[in-house]
């Protein structure tokens, strides 16, 4: 990459979608913590329980 190359600006709708997904994940973690449930995620081709 040369010096004069500017990084691409993320489109507004992509930034909004990313914020919405992060907010949803944070809400799920909060609810699961309150109920004492693990967060279940897909990791390395397997379903894994994450205790938070």
C-alpha atoms as a PDB file:
ATOM      1  CA  UNK A   1       0.000   0.000   0.000  1.00  0.00           C
ATOM      2  CA  UNK A   2       1.419   3.379  -0.902  1.00  0.00           C
ATOM      3  CA  UNK A   3       1.488   6.409   1.393  1.00  0.00           C
ATOM      4  CA  UNK A   4      -1.204   8.349  -0.450  1.00  0.00           C
ATOM      5  CA  UNK A   5      -3.802   5.592  -0.231  1.00  0.00           C
ATOM      6  CA  UNK A   6      -6.749   6.507   2.035  1.00  0.00           C
ATOM      7  CA  UNK A   7      -8.574   3.744   3.851  1.00  0.00           C
ATOM      8  CA  UNK A   8     -12.060   3.198   2.492  1.00  0.00           C
ATOM      9  CA  UNK A   9     -14.899   4.813   4.424  1.00  0.00           C
ATOM     10  CA  UNK A  10     -17.459   2.330   5.712  1.00  0.00           C
ATOM     11  CA  UNK A  11     -20.939   3.024   4.307  1.00  0.00           C
ATOM     12  CA  UNK A  12     -23.406   4.364   6.877  1.00  0.00           C
ATOM     13  CA  UNK A  13     -25.761   1.372   6.607  1.00  0.00           C
ATOM     14  CA  UNK A  14     -22.892  -1.022   7.345  1.00  0.00           C
ATOM     15  CA  UNK A  15     -21.897   0.955  10.432  1.00  0.00           C
ATOM     16  CA  UNK A  16     -25.522   0.973  11.656  1.00  0.00           C
ATOM     17  CA  UNK A  17     -25.867  -2.771  11.084  1.00  0.00           C
ATOM     18  CA  UNK A  18     -22.626  -3.455  12.942  1.00  0.00           C
ATOM     19  CA  UNK A  19     -23.751  -1.335  15.909  1.00  0.00           C
ATOM     20  CA  UNK A  20     -27.122  -3.132  15.948  1.00  0.00           C
ATOM     21  CA  UNK A  21     -25.439  -6.568  16.001  1.00  0.00           C
ATOM     22  CA  UNK A  22     -23.083  -5.530  18.790  1.00  0.00           C
ATOM     23  CA  UNK A  23     -26.005  -4.115  20.794  1.00  0.00           C
ATOM     24  CA  UNK A  24     -28.010  -7.334  20.296  1.00  0.00           C
ATOM     25  CA  UNK A  25     -25.049  -9.467  21.411  1.00  0.00           C
ATOM     26  CA  UNK A  26     -24.566  -7.305  24.500  1.00  0.00           C
ATOM     27  CA  UNK A  27     -28.285  -7.656  25.347  1.00  0.00           C
ATOM     28  CA  UNK A  28     -28.127 -11.448  25.004  1.00  0.00           C
ATOM     29  CA  UNK A  29     -25.070 -11.609  27.246  1.00  0.00           C
ATOM     30  CA  UNK A  30     -26.798  -9.437  29.856  1.00  0.00           C
ATOM     31  CA  UNK A  31     -29.980 -11.544  29.821  1.00  0.00           C
ATOM     32  CA  UNK A  32     -28.084 -14.823  29.979  1.00  0.00           C
ATOM     33  CA  UNK A  33     -25.954 -13.566  32.865  1.00  0.00           C
ATOM     34  CA  UNK A  34     -29.096 -12.504  34.758  1.00  0.00           C
ATOM     35  CA  UNK A  35     -30.681 -15.931  34.204  1.00  0.00           C
ATOM     36  CA  UNK A  36     -27.469 -17.868  34.850  1.00  0.00           C
ATOM     37  CA  UNK A  37     -27.432 -19.376  31.349  1.00  0.00           C
ATOM     38  CA  UNK A  38     -24.397 -19.900  29.111  1.00  0.00           C
ATOM     39  CA  UNK A  39     -24.059 -18.104  25.782  1.00  0.00           C
ATOM     40  CA  UNK A  40     -24.002 -20.694  23.000  1.00  0.00           C
ATOM     41  CA  UNK A  41     -21.851 -19.814  19.963  1.00  0.00           C
ATOM     42  CA  UNK A  42     -20.485 -21.489  16.849  1.00  0.00           C
ATOM     43  CA  UNK A  43     -16.680 -21.743  17.114  1.00  0.00           C
ATOM     44  CA  UNK A  44     -14.262 -23.734  14.959  1.00  0.00           C
ATOM     45  CA  UNK A  45     -17.088 -25.767  13.439  1.00  0.00           C
ATOM     46  CA  UNK A  46     -18.562 -26.723  16.808  1.00  0.00           C
ATOM     47  CA  UNK A  47     -21.307 -25.460  19.099  1.00  0.00           C
ATOM     48  CA  UNK A  48     -19.648 -24.176  22.287  1.00  0.00           C
ATOM     49  CA  UNK A  49     -21.089 -22.899  25.576  1.00  0.00           C
ATOM     50  CA  UNK A  50     -19.423 -19.707  26.782  1.00  0.00           C
ATOM     51  CA  UNK A  51     -19.858 -19.028  30.491  1.00  0.00           C
ATOM     52  CA  UNK A  52     -19.765 -15.275  31.027  1.00  0.00           C
END
